[in-house]
Amino acid sequence: MVRAKVFLVLFAVGLFAAGSLAVAQDFDMETASQLFEAKCSRCHSVDRPKGKSKTRDEWSSTVKRMQGKMAGWFSDEEAETIIEYLSRAHGK
């Protein structure tokens, strides 16, 4: 019985990891770059953030702060895409 539970937990963790990897591989940098440029250039040059190198947490903080400055300009889902793009393209 204990072995069955351990197996199920490990199986579930494996499925989660495989799903996360698939999402990571399917991320479209070109589309994300276009979204970043469309949303972020509304308030400032995109050269500003492109000139920086930050961790994912730092990019998240920056993007969420910018999102709060213009409520409704981009959704939480769009913010996550922008954070992922910046983390990959300009991450530490």
Protein backbone atom coordinates (compact mmCIF):
# COMPACT_ATOMS: atom_id res chain seq x y z
CA MET A 1 0.00 0.00 0.00
CA VAL A 2 2.78 2.43 0.93
CA ARG A 3 4.63 1.53 -2.28
CA ALA A 4 1.54 2.31 -4.32
CA LYS A 5 1.20 5.75 -2.70
CA VAL A 6 4.89 6.50 -3.22
CA PHE A 7 4.58 5.43 -6.85
CA LEU A 8 1.54 7.66 -7.38
CA VAL A 9 3.28 10.66 -5.84
CA LEU A 10 6.40 10.13 -7.95
CA PHE A 11 4.27 9.59 -11.05
CA ALA A 12 2.38 12.85 -10.40
CA VAL A 13 5.63 14.76 -9.87
CA GLY A 14 6.97 13.31 -13.12
CA LEU A 15 3.88 14.39 -15.03
CA PHE A 16 4.11 17.89 -13.58
CA ALA A 17 7.79 18.15 -14.51
CA ALA A 18 7.11 16.90 -18.03
CA GLY A 19 4.27 19.38 -18.42
CA SER A 20 6.46 22.24 -17.21
CA LEU A 21 9.18 21.25 -19.65
CA ALA A 22 6.69 21.14 -22.52
CA VAL A 23 5.44 24.64 -21.65
CA ALA A 24 9.01 25.91 -21.46
CA GLN A 25 9.84 24.41 -24.86
CA ASP A 26 6.67 25.82 -26.43
CA PHE A 27 7.37 29.40 -25.32
CA ASP A 28 7.41 31.62 -28.41
CA MET A 29 10.13 34.24 -27.95
CA GLU A 30 9.15 36.12 -31.12
CA THR A 31 5.52 36.56 -30.05
CA ALA A 32 6.60 37.45 -26.52
CA SER A 33 9.06 40.01 -27.88
CA GLN A 34 6.29 41.61 -29.94
CA LEU A 35 4.00 41.73 -26.90
CA PHE A 36 6.79 43.27 -24.81
CA GLU A 37 7.47 45.93 -27.43
CA ALA A 38 3.78 46.74 -27.94
CA LYS A 39 2.98 47.07 -24.25
CA CYS A 40 6.18 48.52 -22.82
CA SER A 41 6.89 51.07 -25.55
CA ARG A 42 3.64 52.80 -24.66
CA CYS A 43 5.40 54.50 -21.73
CA HIS A 44 9.13 54.32 -22.51
CA SER A 45 11.72 53.17 -25.00
CA VAL A 46 12.21 49.40 -25.04
CA ASP A 47 15.95 50.06 -25.03
CA ARG A 48 15.62 50.96 -21.35
CA PRO A 49 14.70 47.46 -20.11
CA LYS A 50 16.75 45.75 -22.84
CA GLY A 51 19.82 47.46 -21.41
CA LYS A 52 19.35 45.74 -18.05
CA SER A 53 20.05 42.24 -16.79
CA LYS A 54 17.84 41.04 -13.92
CA THR A 55 16.75 37.84 -12.23
CA ARG A 56 13.24 36.53 -12.86
CA ASP A 57 12.12 37.88 -9.49
CA GLU A 58 13.55 41.30 -10.32
CA TRP A 59 11.82 41.33 -13.72
CA SER A 60 8.60 40.25 -12.07
CA SER A 61 8.80 43.11 -9.60
CA THR A 62 9.54 45.62 -12.38
CA VAL A 63 6.77 44.40 -14.70
CA LYS A 64 4.18 44.28 -11.91
CA ARG A 65 5.15 47.82 -10.87
CA MET A 66 4.73 49.01 -14.46
CA GLN A 67 1.43 47.14 -14.76
CA GLY A 68 0.15 49.08 -11.74
CA LYS A 69 0.99 52.42 -13.34
CA MET A 70 -1.49 51.88 -16.19
CA ALA A 71 -4.29 49.73 -14.84
CA GLY A 72 -5.85 47.58 -17.53
CA TRP A 73 -3.12 48.21 -20.13
CA PHE A 74 -2.00 44.58 -19.95
CA SER A 75 -3.43 41.53 -18.25
CA ASP A 76 -1.79 39.31 -15.64
CA GLU A 77 -1.30 36.67 -18.34
CA GLU A 78 0.42 39.20 -20.59
CA ALA A 79 2.55 40.31 -17.66
CA GLU A 80 3.69 36.72 -17.09
CA THR A 81 4.59 36.40 -20.78
CA ILE A 82 6.59 39.63 -20.62
CA ILE A 83 8.33 38.48 -17.43
CA GLU A 84 9.24 35.17 -19.04
CA TYR A 85 10.52 36.92 -22.16
CA LEU A 86 12.66 39.38 -20.19
CA SER A 87 13.97 36.61 -17.96
CA ARG A 88 15.09 34.57 -20.95
CA ALA A 89 16.36 37.41 -23.11
CA HIS A 90 17.81 39.68 -20.41
CA GLY A 91 18.13 37.51 -17.35
CA LYS A 92 20.95 36.97 -14.91
